[in-house]
C-alpha cells in the first residue's frame, strides 16, 4: 500500500534541503512518523535530496 505523500511531508516539517537520507529519517522520527512512513523513508537510496518533491518521488518508486 502506498504511503500518503501529505503524511510524509507532515513528518518532514523543518527539514532543510538539500538533506541526506539520514537527516530525513531522523527528522521524520522526531516528528513521530508512523512505521509505514519510516519504512518507506529508510528504503530510499542513500543520497542527498534537494526537495520534498524529490523525497515523494523516491518513496513512490519504492512502493
C-alpha atoms as a PDB file:
ATOM      1  CA  UNK A   1       0.000   0.000   0.000  1.00  0.00           C
ATOM      2  CA  UNK A   2       1.346   3.401  -0.987  1.00  0.00           C
ATOM      3  CA  UNK A   3       2.298   5.940   1.631  1.00  0.00           C
ATOM      4  CA  UNK A   4       0.330   9.199   1.560  1.00  0.00           C
ATOM      5  CA  UNK A   5       2.669  11.976   0.305  1.00  0.00           C
ATOM      6  CA  UNK A   6       0.914  14.542   2.513  1.00  0.00           C
ATOM      7  CA  UNK A   7       1.624  12.425   5.592  1.00  0.00           C
ATOM      8  CA  UNK A   8       5.265  12.128   4.553  1.00  0.00           C
ATOM      9  CA  UNK A   9       5.589  15.896   4.241  1.00  0.00           C
ATOM     10  CA  UNK A  10       3.948  16.437   7.641  1.00  0.00           C
ATOM     11  CA  UNK A  11       6.626  14.160   9.082  1.00  0.00           C
ATOM     12  CA  UNK A  12       9.386  16.147   7.391  1.00  0.00           C
ATOM     13  CA  UNK A  13       8.465  19.607   8.643  1.00  0.00           C
ATOM     14  CA  UNK A  14      11.627  21.572   9.366  1.00  0.00           C
ATOM     15  CA  UNK A  15      13.988  19.638   7.081  1.00  0.00           C
ATOM     16  CA  UNK A  16      16.485  21.975   5.399  1.00  0.00           C
ATOM     17  CA  UNK A  17      17.119  20.906   1.824  1.00  0.00           C
ATOM     18  CA  UNK A  18      19.349  19.625   0.410  1.00  0.00           C
ATOM     19  CA  UNK A  19      19.209  16.895   3.043  1.00  0.00           C
ATOM     20  CA  UNK A  20      20.736  13.453   3.342  1.00  0.00           C
ATOM     21  CA  UNK A  21      18.643  10.336   3.738  1.00  0.00           C
ATOM     22  CA  UNK A  22      19.855  10.101   7.351  1.00  0.00           C
ATOM     23  CA  UNK A  23      18.726  13.663   8.103  1.00  0.00           C
ATOM     24  CA  UNK A  24      15.318  12.991   6.550  1.00  0.00           C
ATOM     25  CA  UNK A  25      14.823   9.754   8.511  1.00  0.00           C
ATOM     26  CA  UNK A  26      15.940  11.438  11.759  1.00  0.00           C
ATOM     27  CA  UNK A  27      13.538  14.361  11.256  1.00  0.00           C
ATOM     28  CA  UNK A  28      10.623  12.023  10.495  1.00  0.00           C
ATOM     29  CA  UNK A  29      11.345  10.042  13.667  1.00  0.00           C
ATOM     30  CA  UNK A  30      11.409  13.244  15.734  1.00  0.00           C
ATOM     31  CA  UNK A  31       8.022  14.200  14.270  1.00  0.00           C
ATOM     32  CA  UNK A  32       6.509  10.839  15.237  1.00  0.00           C
ATOM     33  CA  UNK A  33       6.152   9.354  11.754  1.00  0.00           C
ATOM     34  CA  UNK A  34       4.362   6.021  11.756  1.00  0.00           C
ATOM     35  CA  UNK A  35       6.115   2.764  10.894  1.00  0.00           C
ATOM     36  CA  UNK A  36       4.907   2.733   7.289  1.00  0.00           C
ATOM     37  CA  UNK A  37       6.421   6.175   6.627  1.00  0.00           C
ATOM     38  CA  UNK A  38       9.645   5.286   8.444  1.00  0.00           C
ATOM     39  CA  UNK A  39       9.985   2.071   6.424  1.00  0.00           C
ATOM     40  CA  UNK A  40       9.411   3.965   3.167  1.00  0.00           C
ATOM     41  CA  UNK A  41      11.994   6.625   4.036  1.00  0.00           C
ATOM     42  CA  UNK A  42      14.545   4.053   5.190  1.00  0.00           C
ATOM     43  CA  UNK A  43      14.170   2.188   1.888  1.00  0.00           C
ATOM     44  CA  UNK A  44      15.195   5.242  -0.181  1.00  0.00           C
ATOM     45  CA  UNK A  45      18.663   5.323  -1.766  1.00  0.00           C
ATOM     46  CA  UNK A  46      21.374   6.822   0.436  1.00  0.00           C
ATOM     47  CA  UNK A  47      21.923  10.211  -1.236  1.00  0.00           C
ATOM     48  CA  UNK A  48      21.188  13.922  -0.915  1.00  0.00           C
ATOM     49  CA  UNK A  49      17.628  15.050  -1.651  1.00  0.00           C
ATOM     50  CA  UNK A  50      17.049  18.557  -2.981  1.00  0.00           C
ATOM     51  CA  UNK A  51      13.362  18.981  -2.181  1.00  0.00           C
ATOM     52  CA  UNK A  52      10.278  17.432  -0.584  1.00  0.00           C
ATOM     53  CA  UNK A  53       9.052  16.570  -4.086  1.00  0.00           C
ATOM     54  CA  UNK A  54      12.210  14.518  -4.686  1.00  0.00           C
ATOM     55  CA  UNK A  55      11.584  12.595  -1.451  1.00  0.00           C
ATOM     56  CA  UNK A  56       7.986  11.865  -2.504  1.00  0.00           C
ATOM     57  CA  UNK A  57       9.153  10.740  -5.947  1.00  0.00           C
ATOM     58  CA  UNK A  58      11.684   8.331  -4.436  1.00  0.00           C
ATOM     59  CA  UNK A  59       9.109   6.898  -1.990  1.00  0.00           C
ATOM     60  CA  UNK A  60       6.626   6.360  -4.865  1.00  0.00           C
ATOM     61  CA  UNK A  61       9.306   4.458  -6.812  1.00  0.00           C
ATOM     62  CA  UNK A  62       9.788   2.094  -3.903  1.00  0.00           C
ATOM     63  CA  UNK A  63       6.128   1.361  -3.261  1.00  0.00           C
END
